[in-house]
Amino acid sequence: MLSGVALQGKQLTLSNVGNDDSIDSDGVPEGTYSKATVILVNGNNSDTDFGFVTSTALNPGTGTPGYWKNHPDAWPVDASDLPVTIMIGGVPYSKDAALAGLAKITKDKTTTMFSSLLSAKLNVLIGNSDSCLSGPNGAIAQGDAWMALHPLNSNVLASSDAWRIGEPIHQTLDAYNNGLLCAPHRQ
């Protein structure tokens, strides 16, 4: 990939070059995606390389809360085949307790966050890339922090200030679980 050099009358730009969009090719944030505008010059040559590459991560494919609810046999287990215990908001959940949490459909938004966060964690545990969700400020850490403040079944309503903070986290986790971020969806 060529970057920052003139090629047949075109100027390719570098990524992550501060705030000057004339020399920074990262695109413009649009929701959970980025959008880039390309202006073709010197004819209709559309050979522009945006630098996207296929991930080398295992990426068996992500599953939604519905997938994990309906495929408990796909849940990861430890080496001794004991049921997995997974932490959500600092609370350990057995596989059976986590499945019960997935089965709840209520107006309580803690069940919504629980389902999307649990699914994201299971998707990572089976080998999907978490590069778009990891780190201390990533959506998984934010979801855990939100769930620590608002435990499962604590009756957070959609109109609450708590959900105004939680909903964008849920939306990012949901996009990941649906294969729209750094790992593909299961086939």
N, C-alpha and C. Protein backbone atom coordinates (compact mmCIF):
# COMPACT_ATOMS: atom_id res chain seq x y z
N MET A 1 0.84 -1.17 0.00
CA MET A 1 0.00 0.00 0.00
C MET A 1 0.89 1.23 0.00
N LEU A 2 0.60 2.18 -0.85
CA LEU A 2 1.33 3.44 -0.89
C LEU A 2 0.58 4.45 -0.05
N SER A 3 1.31 5.26 0.65
CA SER A 3 0.67 6.25 1.50
C SER A 3 1.45 7.54 1.45
N GLY A 4 0.77 8.65 1.16
CA GLY A 4 1.43 9.95 1.19
C GLY A 4 2.31 10.25 0.00
N VAL A 5 2.10 9.55 -1.11
CA VAL A 5 2.90 9.83 -2.29
C VAL A 5 1.98 10.09 -3.47
N ALA A 6 2.49 10.82 -4.45
CA ALA A 6 1.70 11.08 -5.66
C ALA A 6 1.72 9.83 -6.53
N LEU A 7 0.57 9.44 -7.05
CA LEU A 7 0.47 8.26 -7.89
C LEU A 7 -0.45 8.60 -9.05
N GLN A 8 0.07 8.67 -10.25
CA GLN A 8 -0.70 8.98 -11.46
C GLN A 8 -1.58 10.22 -11.25
N GLY A 9 -1.01 11.27 -10.72
CA GLY A 9 -1.74 12.52 -10.56
C GLY A 9 -2.65 12.57 -9.35
N LYS A 10 -2.64 11.54 -8.48
CA LYS A 10 -3.47 11.53 -7.29
C LYS A 10 -2.58 11.68 -6.06
N GLN A 11 -3.08 12.30 -5.03
CA GLN A 11 -2.35 12.40 -3.77
C GLN A 11 -3.05 11.49 -2.77
N LEU A 12 -2.38 10.45 -2.33
CA LEU A 12 -2.92 9.60 -1.27
C LEU A 12 -2.52 10.21 0.06
N THR A 13 -3.35 10.08 1.05
CA THR A 13 -3.08 10.74 2.32
C THR A 13 -2.78 9.74 3.42
N LEU A 14 -2.15 10.21 4.45
CA LEU A 14 -1.83 9.40 5.62
C LEU A 14 -3.02 9.33 6.56
N SER A 15 -3.06 8.33 7.41
CA SER A 15 -4.11 8.27 8.42
C SER A 15 -3.57 8.81 9.75
N ASN A 16 -4.48 9.22 10.59
CA ASN A 16 -4.14 9.71 11.93
C ASN A 16 -3.12 10.83 11.92
N VAL A 17 -3.39 11.87 11.13
CA VAL A 17 -2.49 13.01 11.01
C VAL A 17 -3.15 14.22 11.66
N GLY A 18 -3.67 14.06 12.83
CA GLY A 18 -4.29 15.19 13.52
C GLY A 18 -5.67 15.52 12.98
N ASN A 19 -5.99 16.81 12.96
CA ASN A 19 -7.34 17.23 12.60
C ASN A 19 -7.44 17.83 11.20
N ASP A 20 -6.39 17.77 10.40
CA ASP A 20 -6.41 18.34 9.06
C ASP A 20 -6.90 17.29 8.08
N ASP A 21 -8.20 17.37 7.71
CA ASP A 21 -8.78 16.36 6.83
C ASP A 21 -8.19 16.35 5.42
N SER A 22 -7.48 17.40 5.04
CA SER A 22 -6.87 17.38 3.71
C SER A 22 -5.67 16.44 3.66
N ILE A 23 -5.14 16.06 4.83
CA ILE A 23 -4.02 15.12 4.86
C ILE A 23 -4.30 13.91 5.75
N ASP A 24 -5.54 13.73 6.19
CA ASP A 24 -5.90 12.63 7.08
C ASP A 24 -7.04 11.83 6.44
N SER A 25 -6.81 10.57 6.14
CA SER A 25 -7.79 9.77 5.39
C SER A 25 -8.65 8.86 6.25
N ASP A 26 -8.88 9.21 7.51
CA ASP A 26 -9.66 8.33 8.38
C ASP A 26 -11.16 8.39 8.12
N GLY A 27 -11.64 9.32 7.35
CA GLY A 27 -13.07 9.43 7.14
C GLY A 27 -13.72 10.27 8.24
N VAL A 28 -15.01 10.39 8.15
CA VAL A 28 -15.78 11.20 9.08
C VAL A 28 -16.68 10.28 9.89
N PRO A 29 -16.67 10.35 11.22
CA PRO A 29 -17.54 9.49 12.01
C PRO A 29 -19.01 9.73 11.66
N GLU A 30 -19.72 8.63 11.48
CA GLU A 30 -21.16 8.69 11.21
C GLU A 30 -21.78 7.54 11.99
N GLY A 31 -22.28 7.84 13.20
CA GLY A 31 -22.77 6.79 14.07
C GLY A 31 -21.62 5.91 14.50
N THR A 32 -21.78 4.58 14.33
CA THR A 32 -20.71 3.64 14.68
C THR A 32 -19.83 3.32 13.49
N TYR A 33 -19.99 4.05 12.37
CA TYR A 33 -19.21 3.82 11.17
C TYR A 33 -18.40 5.07 10.83
N SER A 34 -17.58 4.96 9.79
CA SER A 34 -16.88 6.11 9.23
C SER A 34 -17.24 6.21 7.76
N LYS A 35 -17.32 7.43 7.27
CA LYS A 35 -17.67 7.67 5.87
C LYS A 35 -16.55 8.48 5.25
N ALA A 36 -16.15 8.10 4.05
CA ALA A 36 -15.11 8.84 3.32
C ALA A 36 -15.66 9.21 1.95
N THR A 37 -15.36 10.40 1.51
CA THR A 37 -15.75 10.86 0.17
C THR A 37 -14.53 10.79 -0.72
N VAL A 38 -14.70 10.21 -1.89
CA VAL A 38 -13.61 10.09 -2.85
C VAL A 38 -13.99 10.89 -4.09
N ILE A 39 -13.11 11.77 -4.52
CA ILE A 39 -13.30 12.53 -5.76
C ILE A 39 -12.31 11.99 -6.77
N LEU A 40 -12.85 11.43 -7.84
CA LEU A 40 -11.99 10.86 -8.88
C LEU A 40 -11.56 11.96 -9.84
N VAL A 41 -10.28 12.01 -10.11
CA VAL A 41 -9.73 12.98 -11.05
C VAL A 41 -9.01 12.23 -12.15
N ASN A 42 -8.68 12.93 -13.22
CA ASN A 42 -7.96 12.30 -14.33
C ASN A 42 -8.70 11.07 -14.86
N GLY A 43 -9.95 11.23 -15.17
CA GLY A 43 -10.74 10.11 -15.68
C GLY A 43 -11.51 9.44 -14.57
N ASN A 44 -11.87 8.21 -14.77
CA ASN A 44 -12.68 7.48 -13.79
C ASN A 44 -11.89 6.36 -13.13
N ASN A 45 -10.61 6.54 -12.91
CA ASN A 45 -9.80 5.53 -12.26
C ASN A 45 -10.21 5.41 -10.81
N SER A 46 -10.76 4.27 -10.42
CA SER A 46 -11.23 4.08 -9.05
C SER A 46 -10.36 3.08 -8.30
N ASP A 47 -9.06 3.14 -8.50
CA ASP A 47 -8.13 2.21 -7.86
C ASP A 47 -7.61 2.74 -6.52
N THR A 48 -8.37 3.58 -5.84
CA THR A 48 -7.93 4.15 -4.58
C THR A 48 -7.89 3.06 -3.51
N ASP A 49 -6.78 2.96 -2.78
CA ASP A 49 -6.61 1.99 -1.71
C ASP A 49 -6.86 2.68 -0.38
N PHE A 50 -7.89 2.25 0.33
CA PHE A 50 -8.21 2.87 1.61
C PHE A 50 -7.44 2.25 2.77
N GLY A 51 -6.67 1.20 2.51
CA GLY A 51 -5.86 0.60 3.56
C GLY A 51 -6.59 -0.43 4.41
N PHE A 52 -7.82 -0.80 4.05
CA PHE A 52 -8.53 -1.81 4.81
C PHE A 52 -7.92 -3.17 4.50
N VAL A 53 -7.73 -3.98 5.52
CA VAL A 53 -7.17 -5.31 5.34
C VAL A 53 -8.03 -6.31 6.09
N THR A 54 -7.99 -7.55 5.65
CA THR A 54 -8.72 -8.62 6.33
C THR A 54 -8.02 -8.93 7.64
N SER A 55 -8.79 -9.07 8.69
CA SER A 55 -8.23 -9.37 10.00
C SER A 55 -7.60 -10.75 9.99
N THR A 56 -6.51 -10.90 10.72
CA THR A 56 -5.87 -12.20 10.85
C THR A 56 -6.37 -12.93 12.10
N ALA A 57 -7.30 -12.32 12.83
CA ALA A 57 -7.86 -12.97 14.01
C ALA A 57 -8.71 -14.16 13.59
N LEU A 58 -8.88 -15.12 14.47
CA LEU A 58 -9.65 -16.32 14.20
C LEU A 58 -11.06 -15.98 13.70
N ASN A 59 -11.75 -15.09 14.38
CA ASN A 59 -13.07 -14.60 13.98
C ASN A 59 -14.02 -15.69 13.49
N PRO A 60 -14.47 -16.58 14.37
CA PRO A 60 -15.45 -17.58 13.94
C PRO A 60 -16.82 -16.98 13.63
N GLY A 61 -17.01 -15.74 13.95
CA GLY A 61 -18.27 -15.05 13.69
C GLY A 61 -19.01 -14.74 14.98
N THR A 62 -19.61 -13.56 15.02
CA THR A 62 -20.31 -13.13 16.22
C THR A 62 -21.75 -13.64 16.22
N GLY A 63 -22.30 -13.73 17.41
CA GLY A 63 -23.69 -14.11 17.58
C GLY A 63 -24.43 -13.06 18.38
N THR A 64 -25.69 -12.92 18.11
CA THR A 64 -26.56 -11.99 18.83
C THR A 64 -27.05 -12.64 20.12
N PRO A 65 -27.72 -11.87 20.99
CA PRO A 65 -28.31 -12.49 22.19
C PRO A 65 -29.23 -13.67 21.84
N GLY A 66 -29.98 -13.55 20.75
CA GLY A 66 -30.86 -14.66 20.33
C GLY A 66 -30.08 -15.90 19.98
N TYR A 67 -28.93 -15.72 19.32
CA TYR A 67 -28.08 -16.86 18.98
C TYR A 67 -27.62 -17.56 20.26
N TRP A 68 -27.06 -16.79 21.19
CA TRP A 68 -26.51 -17.39 22.41
C TRP A 68 -27.62 -18.01 23.26
N LYS A 69 -28.79 -17.43 23.27
CA LYS A 69 -29.93 -18.00 24.02
C LYS A 69 -30.35 -19.34 23.43
N ASN A 70 -30.34 -19.43 22.10
CA ASN A 70 -30.82 -20.63 21.43
C ASN A 70 -29.74 -21.66 21.12
N HIS A 71 -28.49 -21.34 21.42
CA HIS A 71 -27.38 -22.27 21.18
C HIS A 71 -26.49 -22.39 22.42
N PRO A 72 -27.03 -22.85 23.53
CA PRO A 72 -26.21 -22.96 24.74
C PRO A 72 -25.04 -23.92 24.58
N ASP A 73 -25.14 -24.84 23.62
CA ASP A 73 -24.04 -25.78 23.37
C ASP A 73 -22.82 -25.08 22.75
N ALA A 74 -23.02 -23.88 22.21
CA ALA A 74 -21.91 -23.13 21.60
C ALA A 74 -21.15 -22.29 22.63
N TRP A 75 -21.65 -22.23 23.86
CA TRP A 75 -20.98 -21.44 24.90
C TRP A 75 -19.63 -22.05 25.20
N PRO A 76 -18.61 -21.22 25.45
CA PRO A 76 -17.30 -21.77 25.80
C PRO A 76 -17.32 -22.39 27.20
N VAL A 77 -16.53 -23.43 27.35
CA VAL A 77 -16.39 -24.08 28.66
C VAL A 77 -14.92 -24.14 29.00
N ASP A 78 -14.62 -24.31 30.28
CA ASP A 78 -13.21 -24.38 30.66
C ASP A 78 -12.66 -25.78 30.37
N ALA A 79 -11.39 -25.98 30.66
CA ALA A 79 -10.70 -27.22 30.29
C ALA A 79 -11.33 -28.46 30.91
N SER A 80 -11.96 -28.32 32.06
CA SER A 80 -12.55 -29.49 32.71
C SER A 80 -14.03 -29.65 32.37
N ASP A 81 -14.51 -28.91 31.37
CA ASP A 81 -15.90 -28.95 30.92
C ASP A 81 -16.91 -28.56 32.00
N LEU A 82 -16.46 -27.76 32.96
CA LEU A 82 -17.40 -27.21 33.93
C LEU A 82 -18.11 -26.02 33.29
N PRO A 83 -19.32 -25.69 33.75
CA PRO A 83 -20.01 -24.54 33.17
C PRO A 83 -19.17 -23.27 33.34
N VAL A 84 -19.16 -22.44 32.32
CA VAL A 84 -18.41 -21.20 32.36
C VAL A 84 -19.08 -20.24 33.34
N THR A 85 -18.25 -19.50 34.06
CA THR A 85 -18.75 -18.41 34.90
C THR A 85 -18.26 -17.13 34.22
N ILE A 86 -19.18 -16.21 34.00
CA ILE A 86 -18.83 -14.98 33.30
C ILE A 86 -19.19 -13.80 34.18
N MET A 87 -18.31 -12.80 34.20
CA MET A 87 -18.52 -11.61 35.01
C MET A 87 -19.23 -10.54 34.20
N ILE A 88 -20.32 -10.02 34.73
CA ILE A 88 -21.06 -8.91 34.12
C ILE A 88 -21.24 -7.86 35.21
N GLY A 89 -20.62 -6.72 35.04
CA GLY A 89 -20.74 -5.66 36.03
C GLY A 89 -20.16 -6.04 37.38
N GLY A 90 -19.15 -6.91 37.37
CA GLY A 90 -18.52 -7.34 38.62
C GLY A 90 -19.25 -8.47 39.33
N VAL A 91 -20.33 -8.97 38.75
CA VAL A 91 -21.11 -10.06 39.33
C VAL A 91 -20.87 -11.32 38.52
N PRO A 92 -20.49 -12.43 39.19
CA PRO A 92 -20.29 -13.68 38.45
C PRO A 92 -21.64 -14.34 38.13
N TYR A 93 -21.79 -14.80 36.91
CA TYR A 93 -23.00 -15.51 36.49
C TYR A 93 -22.60 -16.88 35.98
N SER A 94 -23.28 -17.91 36.46
CA SER A 94 -23.10 -19.24 35.88
C SER A 94 -23.78 -19.25 34.52
N LYS A 95 -23.53 -20.25 33.76
CA LYS A 95 -24.16 -20.38 32.45
C LYS A 95 -25.69 -20.37 32.60
N ASP A 96 -26.21 -21.12 33.56
CA ASP A 96 -27.66 -21.18 33.75
C ASP A 96 -28.23 -19.81 34.15
N ALA A 97 -27.55 -19.09 35.03
CA ALA A 97 -28.02 -17.77 35.44
C ALA A 97 -27.95 -16.78 34.29
N ALA A 98 -26.88 -16.88 33.49
CA ALA A 98 -26.74 -15.98 32.34
C ALA A 98 -27.82 -16.28 31.30
N LEU A 99 -28.10 -17.56 31.07
CA LEU A 99 -29.19 -17.92 30.14
C LEU A 99 -30.53 -17.40 30.63
N ALA A 100 -30.76 -17.45 31.94
CA ALA A 100 -32.00 -16.91 32.50
C ALA A 100 -32.08 -15.40 32.27
N GLY A 101 -30.95 -14.71 32.40
CA GLY A 101 -30.91 -13.27 32.13
C GLY A 101 -31.20 -12.96 30.67
N LEU A 102 -30.71 -13.81 29.76
CA LEU A 102 -30.97 -13.62 28.33
C LEU A 102 -32.45 -13.83 28.00
N ALA A 103 -33.10 -14.69 28.75
CA ALA A 103 -34.51 -15.04 28.46
C ALA A 103 -35.48 -13.95 28.87
N LYS A 104 -35.04 -13.00 29.71
CA LYS A 104 -35.94 -11.95 30.20
C LYS A 104 -36.18 -10.90 29.13
N ILE A 105 -37.43 -10.59 28.92
CA ILE A 105 -37.81 -9.50 28.03
C ILE A 105 -38.74 -8.60 28.84
N THR A 106 -38.18 -7.46 29.25
CA THR A 106 -38.95 -6.53 30.07
C THR A 106 -38.68 -5.10 29.62
N LYS A 107 -39.33 -4.16 30.25
CA LYS A 107 -39.06 -2.74 29.99
C LYS A 107 -37.80 -2.28 30.70
N ASP A 108 -37.28 -3.09 31.60
CA ASP A 108 -36.07 -2.78 32.35
C ASP A 108 -34.86 -2.84 31.42
N LYS A 109 -34.20 -1.71 31.19
CA LYS A 109 -33.10 -1.65 30.24
C LYS A 109 -31.84 -2.37 30.74
N THR A 110 -31.82 -2.76 32.02
CA THR A 110 -30.66 -3.55 32.47
C THR A 110 -30.65 -4.90 31.78
N THR A 111 -31.84 -5.43 31.41
CA THR A 111 -31.87 -6.69 30.68
C THR A 111 -31.34 -6.50 29.26
N THR A 112 -31.59 -5.33 28.67
CA THR A 112 -31.07 -5.03 27.33
C THR A 112 -29.55 -4.96 27.36
N MET A 113 -29.01 -4.21 28.32
CA MET A 113 -27.55 -4.09 28.43
C MET A 113 -26.92 -5.44 28.77
N PHE A 114 -27.53 -6.16 29.69
CA PHE A 114 -27.01 -7.47 30.09
C PHE A 114 -26.88 -8.37 28.86
N SER A 115 -27.92 -8.42 28.04
CA SER A 115 -27.93 -9.30 26.87
C SER A 115 -26.85 -8.91 25.87
N SER A 116 -26.71 -7.62 25.59
CA SER A 116 -25.71 -7.21 24.59
C SER A 116 -24.29 -7.37 25.14
N LEU A 117 -24.08 -7.08 26.42
CA LEU A 117 -22.74 -7.22 27.01
C LEU A 117 -22.35 -8.69 27.13
N LEU A 118 -23.25 -9.52 27.60
CA LEU A 118 -22.98 -10.95 27.71
C LEU A 118 -22.64 -11.53 26.34
N SER A 119 -23.42 -11.20 25.33
CA SER A 119 -23.18 -11.71 23.99
C SER A 119 -21.82 -11.27 23.46
N ALA A 120 -21.47 -10.00 23.68
CA ALA A 120 -20.16 -9.51 23.23
C ALA A 120 -19.05 -10.28 23.93
N LYS A 121 -19.18 -10.51 25.22
CA LYS A 121 -18.14 -11.25 25.94
C LYS A 121 -18.04 -12.69 25.45
N LEU A 122 -19.16 -13.33 25.18
CA LEU A 122 -19.13 -14.70 24.65
C LEU A 122 -18.50 -14.70 23.25
N ASN A 123 -18.82 -13.71 22.44
CA ASN A 123 -18.24 -13.62 21.10
C ASN A 123 -16.72 -13.49 21.17
N VAL A 124 -16.22 -12.75 22.14
CA VAL A 124 -14.77 -12.60 22.32
C VAL A 124 -14.18 -13.91 22.83
N LEU A 125 -14.85 -14.55 23.78
CA LEU A 125 -14.32 -15.80 24.36
C LEU A 125 -14.18 -16.92 23.33
N ILE A 126 -15.01 -16.92 22.28
CA ILE A 126 -14.88 -17.98 21.28
C ILE A 126 -13.85 -17.65 20.20
N GLY A 127 -13.22 -16.47 20.29
CA GLY A 127 -12.11 -16.17 19.39
C GLY A 127 -12.31 -15.02 18.43
N ASN A 128 -13.38 -14.28 18.55
CA ASN A 128 -13.58 -13.12 17.67
C ASN A 128 -12.72 -11.96 18.13
N SER A 129 -12.30 -11.14 17.19
CA SER A 129 -11.53 -9.94 17.50
C SER A 129 -12.37 -9.00 18.37
N ASP A 130 -11.70 -8.41 19.35
CA ASP A 130 -12.38 -7.41 20.19
C ASP A 130 -11.68 -6.06 20.09
N SER A 131 -10.91 -5.87 19.02
CA SER A 131 -10.11 -4.65 18.90
C SER A 131 -10.96 -3.38 18.91
N CYS A 132 -12.21 -3.47 18.52
CA CYS A 132 -13.08 -2.28 18.49
C CYS A 132 -13.83 -2.09 19.81
N LEU A 133 -13.68 -3.02 20.75
CA LEU A 133 -14.41 -2.95 22.02
C LEU A 133 -13.52 -2.97 23.25
N SER A 134 -12.24 -3.27 23.08
CA SER A 134 -11.37 -3.51 24.22
C SER A 134 -10.75 -2.24 24.76
N GLY A 135 -10.00 -2.40 25.81
CA GLY A 135 -9.31 -1.28 26.43
C GLY A 135 -10.12 -0.69 27.57
N PRO A 136 -9.48 0.17 28.35
CA PRO A 136 -10.16 0.73 29.53
C PRO A 136 -11.33 1.64 29.19
N ASN A 137 -11.36 2.19 27.98
CA ASN A 137 -12.48 3.04 27.57
C ASN A 137 -13.33 2.39 26.50
N GLY A 138 -13.13 1.12 26.25
CA GLY A 138 -13.89 0.40 25.23
C GLY A 138 -15.29 0.06 25.72
N ALA A 139 -16.12 -0.36 24.79
CA ALA A 139 -17.53 -0.62 25.09
C ALA A 139 -17.73 -1.74 26.11
N ILE A 140 -16.84 -2.74 26.11
CA ILE A 140 -17.00 -3.82 27.10
C ILE A 140 -16.75 -3.28 28.50
N ALA A 141 -15.69 -2.52 28.69
CA ALA A 141 -15.41 -1.93 30.01
C ALA A 141 -16.51 -0.95 30.40
N GLN A 142 -16.99 -0.16 29.46
CA GLN A 142 -18.07 0.79 29.75
C GLN A 142 -19.36 0.05 30.12
N GLY A 143 -19.64 -1.04 29.41
CA GLY A 143 -20.83 -1.84 29.72
C GLY A 143 -20.73 -2.45 31.11
N ASP A 144 -19.55 -2.97 31.46
CA ASP A 144 -19.35 -3.53 32.80
C ASP A 144 -19.53 -2.45 33.87
N ALA A 145 -18.98 -1.27 33.63
CA ALA A 145 -19.12 -0.17 34.60
C ALA A 145 -20.59 0.24 34.74
N TRP A 146 -21.30 0.29 33.62
CA TRP A 146 -22.73 0.66 33.66
C TRP A 146 -23.52 -0.39 34.43
N MET A 147 -23.23 -1.67 34.16
CA MET A 147 -23.94 -2.76 34.86
C MET A 147 -23.58 -2.80 36.35
N ALA A 148 -22.38 -2.37 36.72
CA ALA A 148 -22.01 -2.31 38.14
C ALA A 148 -22.86 -1.27 38.86
N LEU A 149 -23.15 -0.17 38.17
CA LEU A 149 -24.01 0.88 38.75
C LEU A 149 -25.48 0.52 38.68
N HIS A 150 -25.86 -0.29 37.70
CA HIS A 150 -27.26 -0.64 37.47
C HIS A 150 -27.37 -2.16 37.29
N PRO A 151 -27.35 -2.91 38.39
CA PRO A 151 -27.36 -4.37 38.30
C PRO A 151 -28.62 -4.89 37.59
N LEU A 152 -28.51 -6.09 37.07
CA LEU A 152 -29.62 -6.74 36.39
C LEU A 152 -30.87 -6.69 37.28
N ASN A 153 -31.97 -6.33 36.67
CA ASN A 153 -33.29 -6.24 37.32
C ASN A 153 -33.42 -5.06 38.27
N SER A 154 -32.66 -4.00 38.06
CA SER A 154 -32.79 -2.83 38.93
C SER A 154 -33.75 -1.78 38.37
N ASN A 155 -34.50 -2.16 37.34
CA ASN A 155 -35.61 -1.35 36.81
C ASN A 155 -35.18 0.01 36.27
N VAL A 156 -34.27 0.01 35.31
CA VAL A 156 -33.87 1.23 34.62
C VAL A 156 -34.80 1.40 33.41
N LEU A 157 -35.50 2.51 33.36
CA LEU A 157 -36.45 2.76 32.27
C LEU A 157 -35.77 3.43 31.08
N ALA A 158 -36.36 3.27 29.91
CA ALA A 158 -35.81 3.84 28.69
C ALA A 158 -35.75 5.36 28.75
N SER A 159 -36.61 5.97 29.52
CA SER A 159 -36.65 7.43 29.62
C SER A 159 -35.72 8.00 30.69
N SER A 160 -34.96 7.14 31.35
CA SER A 160 -34.12 7.57 32.47
C SER A 160 -32.79 8.17 32.01
N ASP A 161 -32.20 8.97 32.89
CA ASP A 161 -30.85 9.48 32.63
C ASP A 161 -29.84 8.35 32.54
N ALA A 162 -30.04 7.31 33.35
CA ALA A 162 -29.13 6.16 33.32
C ALA A 162 -29.10 5.53 31.93
N TRP A 163 -30.26 5.40 31.29
CA TRP A 163 -30.28 4.78 29.97
C TRP A 163 -29.75 5.72 28.89
N ARG A 164 -29.86 7.01 29.09
CA ARG A 164 -29.26 7.95 28.13
C ARG A 164 -27.75 7.74 28.08
N ILE A 165 -27.18 7.37 29.20
CA ILE A 165 -25.74 7.05 29.25
C ILE A 165 -25.50 5.64 28.71
N GLY A 166 -26.36 4.70 29.06
CA GLY A 166 -26.16 3.30 28.68
C GLY A 166 -26.49 2.96 27.24
N GLU A 167 -27.45 3.66 26.66
CA GLU A 167 -27.90 3.28 25.32
C GLU A 167 -26.80 3.32 24.26
N PRO A 168 -25.94 4.36 24.21
CA PRO A 168 -24.87 4.33 23.20
C PRO A 168 -23.90 3.16 23.39
N ILE A 169 -23.68 2.76 24.62
CA ILE A 169 -22.82 1.60 24.89
C ILE A 169 -23.50 0.35 24.33
N HIS A 170 -24.78 0.20 24.64
CA HIS A 170 -25.55 -0.93 24.12
C HIS A 170 -25.53 -0.95 22.59
N GLN A 171 -25.70 0.20 21.96
CA GLN A 171 -25.72 0.26 20.50
C GLN A 171 -24.40 -0.20 19.90
N THR A 172 -23.29 0.16 20.52
CA THR A 172 -21.98 -0.30 20.04
C THR A 172 -21.85 -1.81 20.21
N LEU A 173 -22.23 -2.32 21.37
CA LEU A 173 -22.17 -3.76 21.61
C LEU A 173 -23.09 -4.50 20.64
N ASP A 174 -24.27 -3.96 20.40
CA ASP A 174 -25.22 -4.58 19.49
C ASP A 174 -24.66 -4.61 18.06
N ALA A 175 -24.03 -3.52 17.63
CA ALA A 175 -23.42 -3.49 16.29
C ALA A 175 -22.33 -4.55 16.19
N TYR A 176 -21.52 -4.69 17.23
CA TYR A 176 -20.48 -5.73 17.25
C TYR A 176 -21.11 -7.12 17.15
N ASN A 177 -22.13 -7.38 17.98
CA ASN A 177 -22.78 -8.69 17.99
C ASN A 177 -23.42 -9.03 16.65
N ASN A 178 -23.80 -8.02 15.90
CA ASN A 178 -24.41 -8.22 14.59
C ASN A 178 -23.37 -8.22 13.46
N GLY A 179 -22.09 -8.22 13.81
CA GLY A 179 -21.03 -8.32 12.81
C GLY A 179 -20.76 -7.05 12.04
N LEU A 180 -21.10 -5.90 12.61
CA LEU A 180 -20.94 -4.64 11.91
C LEU A 180 -19.67 -3.88 12.30
N LEU A 181 -18.88 -4.42 13.23
CA LEU A 181 -17.67 -3.72 13.65
C LEU A 181 -16.44 -4.55 13.31
N CYS A 182 -15.64 -4.96 14.28
CA CYS A 182 -14.33 -5.55 13.99
C CYS A 182 -14.32 -7.07 13.82
N ALA A 183 -15.47 -7.71 13.85
CA ALA A 183 -15.54 -9.15 13.63
C ALA A 183 -16.79 -9.43 12.79
N PRO A 184 -16.72 -10.41 11.89
CA PRO A 184 -17.88 -10.71 11.06
C PRO A 184 -18.96 -11.45 11.84
N HIS A 185 -20.18 -11.41 11.31
CA HIS A 185 -21.28 -12.15 11.91
C HIS A 185 -21.16 -13.62 11.50
N ARG A 186 -21.69 -14.51 12.31
CA ARG A 186 -21.63 -15.93 11.97
C ARG A 186 -22.41 -16.19 10.69
N GLN A 187 -21.96 -17.18 9.97
CA GLN A 187 -22.63 -17.57 8.71
C GLN A 187 -23.67 -18.62 8.96
